[in-house]
Protein backbone atom coordinates (compact mmCIF):
# COMPACT_ATOMS: atom_id res chain seq x y z
CA MET A 1 -9.79 10.65 -36.34
CA LEU A 2 -6.58 12.61 -36.38
CA SER A 3 -4.63 9.31 -37.35
CA PHE A 4 -7.30 8.65 -40.16
CA ILE A 5 -6.76 12.39 -41.44
CA ALA A 6 -2.93 11.91 -41.30
CA PHE A 7 -3.22 8.69 -43.25
CA CYS A 8 -5.13 10.28 -45.97
CA LEU A 9 -2.79 13.18 -46.27
CA ILE A 10 0.16 10.81 -46.55
CA ILE A 11 -1.64 8.92 -49.51
CA PHE A 12 -2.35 12.18 -51.05
CA LEU A 13 1.10 13.74 -50.92
CA SER A 14 3.14 10.56 -51.51
CA GLY A 15 3.40 11.06 -55.27
CA CYS A 16 5.31 14.39 -54.88
CA SER A 17 6.97 14.24 -51.49
CA GLN A 18 10.67 14.84 -50.32
CA ILE A 19 12.37 14.00 -47.01
CA TYR A 20 11.85 16.94 -44.54
CA ASP A 21 14.58 17.06 -41.82
CA PRO A 22 13.09 19.36 -39.05
CA GLN A 23 16.55 19.89 -37.55
CA LEU A 24 15.39 19.33 -34.03
CA GLU A 25 17.67 20.78 -31.45
CA ASN A 26 19.13 17.85 -29.44
CA GLN A 27 18.62 18.47 -25.70
CA ASN A 28 21.17 17.62 -23.27
CA GLU A 29 21.38 14.24 -21.68
CA ILE A 30 19.06 13.82 -18.65
CA LEU A 31 19.43 11.58 -15.54
CA VAL A 32 16.83 8.98 -15.33
CA VAL A 33 16.28 7.39 -12.00
CA GLU A 34 14.36 4.30 -11.01
CA ALA A 35 14.43 3.09 -7.46
CA HIS A 36 12.45 1.01 -5.16
CA MET A 37 12.58 0.06 -1.42
CA SER A 38 10.08 -1.57 0.84
CA ASP A 39 9.24 -3.14 4.06
CA PHE A 40 10.06 -6.57 2.62
CA GLN A 41 13.14 -8.57 2.71
CA GLU A 42 14.19 -8.36 -0.96
CA THR A 43 16.61 -6.60 -3.01
CA TYR A 44 16.36 -2.78 -3.12
CA PHE A 45 17.66 -1.05 -6.08
CA VAL A 46 18.60 2.00 -7.91
CA LYS A 47 18.84 2.12 -11.74
CA LEU A 48 20.61 5.10 -13.38
CA SER A 49 20.64 6.11 -16.93
CA LEU A 50 20.90 8.95 -19.22
CA THR A 51 18.51 9.80 -21.99
CA THR A 52 19.80 9.67 -25.55
CA ARG A 53 19.67 12.22 -28.36
CA PHE A 54 16.56 12.21 -30.69
CA ASN A 55 18.34 10.47 -33.58
CA SER A 56 20.24 8.05 -31.45
CA SER A 57 19.78 4.15 -31.89
CA GLN A 58 20.25 3.65 -28.31
CA ILE A 59 17.38 3.86 -25.74
CA SER A 60 19.39 4.90 -22.70
CA ILE A 61 23.00 4.92 -21.53
CA PRO A 62 23.72 3.29 -18.14
CA VAL A 63 25.50 5.72 -15.47
CA SER A 64 28.29 3.80 -13.94
CA GLY A 65 30.72 4.64 -10.94
CA ALA A 66 28.27 6.73 -8.91
CA ARG A 67 28.25 6.58 -5.08
CA VAL A 68 24.55 5.56 -4.05
CA TRP A 69 22.89 5.49 -0.61
CA VAL A 70 19.73 5.71 1.31
CA THR A 71 19.19 7.51 4.76
CA ASP A 72 16.44 6.86 7.14
CA ASP A 73 15.47 10.34 8.03
CA ASN A 74 13.99 9.18 11.42
CA ASN A 75 17.11 7.43 12.80
CA ARG A 76 19.71 8.61 10.43
CA SER A 77 20.80 5.13 9.43
CA ILE A 78 22.52 4.79 6.18
CA TYR A 79 22.19 2.06 3.48
CA LEU A 80 25.06 2.01 0.99
CA TYR A 81 24.40 0.57 -2.36
CA SER A 82 26.95 -1.44 -4.62
CA GLU A 83 26.97 -1.32 -8.50
CA THR A 84 26.27 -4.97 -9.51
CA ASP A 85 25.87 -4.35 -13.16
CA LYS A 86 26.28 -1.33 -15.25
CA GLY A 87 24.09 1.45 -13.93
CA TYR A 88 22.35 -1.07 -11.51
CA TYR A 89 22.91 -0.58 -7.72
CA SER A 90 21.40 -2.69 -5.15
CA PHE A 91 21.29 -3.28 -1.64
CA SER A 92 20.05 -6.67 0.09
CA PRO A 93 18.86 -5.74 3.58
CA SER A 94 19.20 -8.24 6.58
CA ILE A 95 15.92 -8.68 8.63
CA ASN A 96 17.11 -5.85 10.91
CA GLU A 97 17.73 -3.46 7.88
CA ILE A 98 14.29 -3.63 5.99
CA GLY A 99 12.44 -0.59 5.69
CA MET A 100 10.03 0.49 8.49
CA ASN A 101 6.41 1.72 8.53
CA ARG A 102 5.95 5.50 9.07
CA HIS A 103 9.67 6.07 8.67
CA SER A 104 10.81 8.39 5.88
CA TYR A 105 13.74 7.76 3.50
CA SER A 106 15.80 9.80 0.98
CA LEU A 107 17.80 8.75 -1.84
CA HIS A 108 21.35 10.34 -2.42
CA ILE A 109 23.36 9.97 -5.64
CA ASN A 110 26.78 11.42 -6.33
CA THR A 111 27.75 10.90 -9.99
CA ALA A 112 31.36 10.23 -11.35
CA SER A 113 31.02 13.65 -13.09
CA GLY A 114 30.49 15.48 -9.77
CA ASP A 115 26.73 16.02 -9.98
CA MET A 116 24.76 15.40 -6.75
CA TYR A 117 21.18 14.29 -6.64
CA GLU A 118 18.63 13.63 -3.97
CA SER A 119 15.07 12.87 -3.59
CA SER A 120 12.56 14.25 -1.31
CA SER A 121 11.99 12.46 1.86
CA GLU A 122 9.44 9.73 1.46
CA MET A 123 7.41 8.15 4.02
CA MET A 124 6.65 4.26 4.09
CA ASP A 125 2.99 3.86 4.60
CA TYR A 126 1.42 0.94 6.66
CA PRO A 127 0.53 -1.97 4.50
CA PHE A 128 -2.90 -2.88 3.49
CA LEU A 129 -4.41 -6.38 2.86
CA ILE A 130 -6.43 -7.78 0.00
CA ASP A 131 -9.79 -9.02 1.28
CA SER A 132 -10.86 -11.01 -1.75
CA VAL A 133 -9.75 -12.01 -5.43
CA TYR A 134 -11.50 -13.27 -8.28
CA GLY A 135 -11.10 -13.49 -11.90
CA ILE A 136 -13.17 -12.53 -15.10
CA LYS A 137 -12.88 -13.87 -18.47
CA LYS A 138 -12.43 -11.22 -21.13
CA THR A 139 -12.05 -11.68 -24.89
CA ARG A 140 -10.21 -8.93 -26.58
CA THR A 141 -9.46 -8.28 -30.37
CA GLU A 142 -5.72 -7.62 -30.71
CA LEU A 143 -3.58 -6.88 -33.55
CA VAL A 144 -0.97 -9.65 -33.87
CA LYS A 145 2.10 -9.78 -36.08
CA SER A 146 2.48 -12.75 -38.30
CA PRO A 147 5.61 -14.77 -37.79
CA ASP A 148 5.80 -15.70 -41.55
CA ASP A 149 5.70 -12.28 -43.36
CA GLY A 150 5.36 -9.73 -40.60
CA SER A 151 1.94 -8.56 -41.61
CA VAL A 152 -0.40 -7.52 -38.93
CA PHE A 153 -3.91 -8.92 -38.44
CA PRO A 154 -6.70 -8.85 -35.86
CA GLU A 155 -7.17 -12.00 -33.64
CA LYS A 156 -9.39 -12.60 -30.69
CA ARG A 157 -7.61 -13.59 -27.37
CA THR A 158 -9.07 -14.64 -24.08
CA TYR A 159 -7.67 -13.30 -20.84
CA ILE A 160 -8.44 -13.70 -17.10
CA ASP A 161 -8.66 -10.25 -15.61
CA ILE A 162 -7.56 -10.11 -11.84
CA ILE A 163 -10.13 -8.28 -9.64
CA THR A 164 -9.28 -7.30 -5.98
CA ASN A 165 -11.19 -5.83 -3.16
CA ILE A 166 -9.25 -4.17 -0.43
CA HIS A 167 -10.08 -2.40 2.83
CA SER A 168 -8.07 -0.71 5.69
CA ASP A 169 -8.54 -0.28 9.29
CA PHE A 170 -6.94 3.16 9.08
CA ASN A 171 -9.04 5.95 8.07
CA SER A 172 -7.03 6.95 5.18
CA ALA A 173 -7.35 6.89 1.39
CA LEU A 174 -5.90 3.66 -0.17
CA LYS A 175 -3.26 3.94 -2.87
CA MET A 176 -1.92 0.64 -4.49
CA ARG A 177 0.06 -0.73 -7.28
CA PHE A 178 -0.24 -4.25 -8.46
CA ASN A 179 2.55 -6.64 -9.72
CA PRO A 180 1.18 -10.06 -10.41
CA ALA A 181 3.20 -12.99 -11.60
CA TRP A 182 2.02 -16.60 -12.92
CA ILE A 183 3.33 -20.05 -12.29
CA PHE A 184 2.57 -22.84 -14.46
CA GLU A 185 3.23 -26.13 -12.70
CA MET A 186 3.44 -29.41 -14.82
CA ILE A 187 4.04 -33.20 -14.04
CA ASP A 188 5.24 -35.50 -16.64
CA TYR A 189 4.48 -39.19 -15.21
CA HIS A 190 6.36 -41.03 -18.00
CA ARG A 191 3.83 -43.83 -18.33
CA ASP A 192 5.58 -46.86 -19.32
CA VAL A 193 3.69 -48.84 -21.99
CA THR A 194 6.08 -51.76 -21.77
CA GLY A 195 4.89 -52.88 -18.44
CA GLY A 196 8.39 -52.05 -16.71
CA PRO A 197 8.87 -50.61 -13.37
CA PRO A 198 7.26 -47.14 -12.68
CA VAL A 199 9.47 -44.04 -13.66
CA PRO A 200 9.74 -41.17 -11.17
CA PRO A 201 7.64 -38.15 -12.40
CA THR A 202 9.34 -34.90 -13.79
CA TYR A 203 8.16 -31.79 -11.94
CA SER A 204 8.53 -28.62 -14.27
CA TRP A 205 7.35 -25.02 -14.04
CA THR A 206 7.50 -21.66 -15.79
CA TYR A 207 7.51 -18.26 -13.75
CA THR A 208 6.44 -15.21 -15.67
CA ALA A 209 5.81 -11.83 -14.13
CA ASN A 210 3.15 -9.38 -15.70
CA ASN A 211 5.23 -6.14 -16.19
CA SER A 212 2.03 -4.03 -17.08
CA LEU A 213 1.09 -0.95 -14.80
CA ALA A 214 -1.98 -1.52 -12.71
CA VAL A 215 -2.62 1.27 -10.21
CA SER A 216 -5.82 1.54 -8.06
CA GLU A 217 -8.55 3.99 -8.83
CA ALA A 218 -8.47 7.23 -6.66
CA THR A 219 -10.74 7.21 -3.56
CA ASN A 220 -11.35 9.54 -0.72
CA ASN A 221 -12.15 6.40 1.82
CA ASN A 222 -10.43 3.37 3.17
CA ILE A 223 -12.15 0.92 0.60
CA LEU A 224 -11.25 -0.18 -2.70
CA THR A 225 -13.76 -2.45 -4.68
CA GLU A 226 -13.19 -4.18 -7.88
CA GLN A 227 -9.72 -2.94 -8.57
CA TYR A 228 -8.06 -4.27 -11.66
CA ALA A 229 -4.60 -5.95 -10.75
CA GLY A 230 -3.58 -7.37 -13.98
CA SER A 231 -4.46 -10.24 -16.43
CA MET A 232 -3.12 -13.41 -17.88
CA LEU A 233 -3.59 -14.63 -21.57
CA ILE A 234 -5.23 -18.21 -21.19
CA ASP A 235 -5.84 -19.19 -24.94
CA ASN A 236 -5.40 -22.90 -25.35
CA ILE A 237 -5.36 -23.49 -21.49
CA THR A 238 -8.34 -25.67 -20.13
CA ASN A 239 -9.12 -26.83 -16.72
CA PRO A 240 -5.81 -28.21 -15.17
CA ASN A 241 -7.47 -31.54 -14.49
CA ALA A 242 -8.25 -31.89 -18.21
CA ASN A 243 -4.61 -31.64 -19.29
CA GLN A 244 -2.23 -34.44 -18.32
CA ASN A 245 0.82 -32.38 -17.91
CA LEU A 246 -0.73 -29.14 -16.40
CA PHE A 247 -1.07 -29.67 -12.80
CA ASN A 248 -1.62 -26.02 -11.40
CA ILE A 249 -1.97 -22.44 -12.34
CA VAL A 250 -0.92 -20.26 -9.62
CA ILE A 251 -0.96 -16.54 -9.21
CA VAL A 252 1.23 -14.62 -6.99
CA ILE A 253 -0.11 -11.08 -6.40
CA ASN A 254 2.63 -8.56 -5.19
CA TYR A 255 1.02 -5.20 -4.30
CA TYR A 256 2.51 -2.21 -2.76
CA SER A 257 0.91 0.51 -0.53
CA LEU A 258 1.98 4.00 -1.98
CA ASN A 259 2.63 7.31 -0.50
CA ASP A 260 1.21 10.28 -2.41
CA ASN A 261 4.24 11.03 -4.37
CA SER A 262 4.62 7.57 -5.79
CA TYR A 263 0.82 7.22 -6.34
CA ASN A 264 0.65 10.22 -8.26
CA PHE A 265 3.64 9.60 -10.45
CA TYR A 266 2.13 6.03 -11.51
CA ARG A 267 -1.19 7.73 -12.21
CA GLU A 268 0.14 10.24 -14.51
CA MET A 269 2.26 7.52 -16.18
CA GLU A 270 -0.89 5.40 -16.43
CA GLU A 271 -2.61 8.16 -18.09
CA GLN A 272 0.20 8.82 -20.47
CA LEU A 273 0.38 5.09 -21.45
CA SER A 274 -3.31 4.82 -22.07
CA SER A 275 -3.66 8.06 -23.98
CA ASP A 276 -5.15 7.99 -27.58
CA ASP A 277 -2.25 9.45 -29.60
CA ALA A 278 -3.85 12.91 -29.26
CA LEU A 279 -1.72 15.78 -30.54
CA PHE A 280 -1.04 17.21 -27.08
CA ASP A 281 -0.54 13.94 -25.27
CA PRO A 282 1.87 14.28 -22.11
CA ILE A 283 5.42 13.31 -22.67
CA ALA A 284 7.55 11.54 -20.05
CA GLN A 285 9.40 14.66 -19.02
CA GLN A 286 6.21 16.27 -18.05
CA ILE A 287 5.72 13.80 -15.24
CA GLU A 288 6.73 15.16 -12.01
CA GLY A 289 9.01 12.68 -10.02
CA ASN A 290 10.65 13.23 -6.66
CA MET A 291 14.50 13.81 -7.66
CA LYS A 292 16.26 16.90 -7.85
CA CYS A 293 19.93 17.93 -8.65
CA VAL A 294 21.53 19.57 -5.63
CA ASN A 295 24.47 21.41 -6.80
CA LYS A 296 22.83 22.55 -10.06
CA PRO A 297 19.21 23.26 -9.47
CA GLU A 298 18.46 24.20 -13.03
CA LYS A 299 19.71 20.61 -14.19
CA HIS A 300 16.64 18.45 -15.16
CA VAL A 301 16.21 15.07 -13.65
CA VAL A 302 13.44 12.69 -14.08
CA GLY A 303 12.21 9.46 -12.18
CA LEU A 304 11.01 8.24 -9.04
CA PHE A 305 12.36 6.88 -5.60
CA GLU A 306 9.51 4.66 -4.69
CA VAL A 307 9.08 3.91 -0.82
CA ALA A 308 6.17 1.47 -0.45
CA SER A 309 5.20 -1.30 1.85
CA HIS A 310 4.93 -4.68 0.20
CA GLU A 311 2.54 -7.57 0.64
CA MET A 312 2.19 -10.86 -1.25
CA GLN A 313 -0.70 -13.38 -1.69
CA VAL A 314 -0.78 -16.58 -3.55
CA PHE A 315 -3.77 -18.41 -5.26
CA LEU A 316 -4.33 -21.46 -7.07
CA VAL A 317 -6.54 -20.71 -10.09
CA SER A 318 -8.89 -22.92 -12.21
CA PRO A 319 -9.70 -21.11 -15.41
CA GLY A 320 -13.07 -23.23 -15.69
CA ASN A 321 -14.95 -24.01 -18.86
CA GLU A 322 -15.80 -21.64 -21.75
CA ASN A 323 -18.89 -20.44 -20.20
CA SER A 324 -17.74 -20.15 -16.52
CA GLN A 325 -15.59 -17.66 -14.44
CA PRO A 326 -12.38 -18.88 -13.21
CA VAL A 327 -11.99 -19.73 -9.54
CA PHE A 328 -9.18 -18.47 -7.30
CA LYS A 329 -8.51 -20.41 -4.28
CA LYS A 330 -6.01 -19.14 -1.56
CA ALA A 331 -2.91 -21.57 -1.31
CA ASN A 332 -2.81 -23.36 1.97
CA SER A 333 1.07 -22.93 2.39
CA PHE A 334 3.85 -20.79 1.42
CA TYR A 335 7.42 -21.81 1.43
CA GLY A 336 8.88 -19.67 -1.24
CA LEU A 337 8.96 -18.81 -4.96
CA PRO A 338 10.87 -20.39 -7.79
CA GLY A 339 14.52 -19.03 -8.17
CA GLU A 340 14.45 -19.31 -11.86
CA PRO A 341 11.93 -18.44 -14.68
CA LYS A 342 11.73 -21.99 -15.61
CA GLY A 343 13.15 -25.36 -14.69
CA GLN A 344 12.54 -28.89 -13.65
CA THR A 345 13.21 -31.59 -10.87
CA GLU A 346 13.22 -35.33 -11.28
CA GLY A 347 11.33 -37.51 -8.90
CA VAL A 348 10.60 -34.95 -6.01
CA PRO A 349 8.90 -31.61 -6.48
CA PRO A 350 10.86 -28.42 -5.54
CA TYR A 351 10.44 -27.32 -1.96
CA TRP A 352 8.11 -24.26 -3.00
CA TRP A 353 5.66 -26.51 -4.83
CA PHE A 354 1.85 -25.50 -4.58
CA GLU A 355 -0.69 -28.19 -4.32
């Protein structure tokens, strides 16, 4: 309703309007922290950037030259991070250096300008396991931009929504974040119509992550049912067996067991992203993170040092026909994941290939 009223006012006033410059006061640059570590042997990272002024064309400014480290507050171990790209600091743990459940960790940042930041002490909770996964076909009407003239028009699109059920043997409320990825496996058999010798097939794939935010609903018990964990656009995809080249659709569900600070941060972010453009919608700086400036307590900083246990499950997906729901079948074996978002091999499938 507010947007409709605003639109009518614009039409009414457009005949006698002039540009208004509100002369907004530019706020100081604020450090933004995005950091993650887990109990998984994966790259732990810290991304540092500065917010830009209201009238700047830049989204953010990377912060280079900082000293970044994490301490284990239980045994005082230190994990020193290296800057591998501008504003991106990483640490690749050995199997003996991965995060430990029920240990607490703190992030420390000393910038080149002399400011010192640190997080609150964050505990890594025990991991929880998904009991079952199924898919629901959903048709949604979305506004799509025309590639020809840039105009916008409504279009119906079909998705598979991923639904999970989870329970824990621990008597505590479950707090989860989901991050699915999709692998499309294709085989080209190079059929020879001339009657010559058979040609080895080509195995190719695409690997796409779903970067939308999916957080479990709030609960006071140790059971989560019918939790939305992401979705995949499936228009123009039929049953894999009906398409000569499409061999398998694979879903990789990464999910994280969160402590209270991380869970509350993501829930507030989710509420902001799903808001309805109301007059007093929350803004990013209103979301409480777990970082602070030690040497200048009045200095504002936003962001999250996420400490979470990480689990992963892999399923083969058959989208089904137009009137049936897709079937999720757990993969029998797991040898790894594609190292690149797309690629191909000749004659022999890659070592991680799912069948």
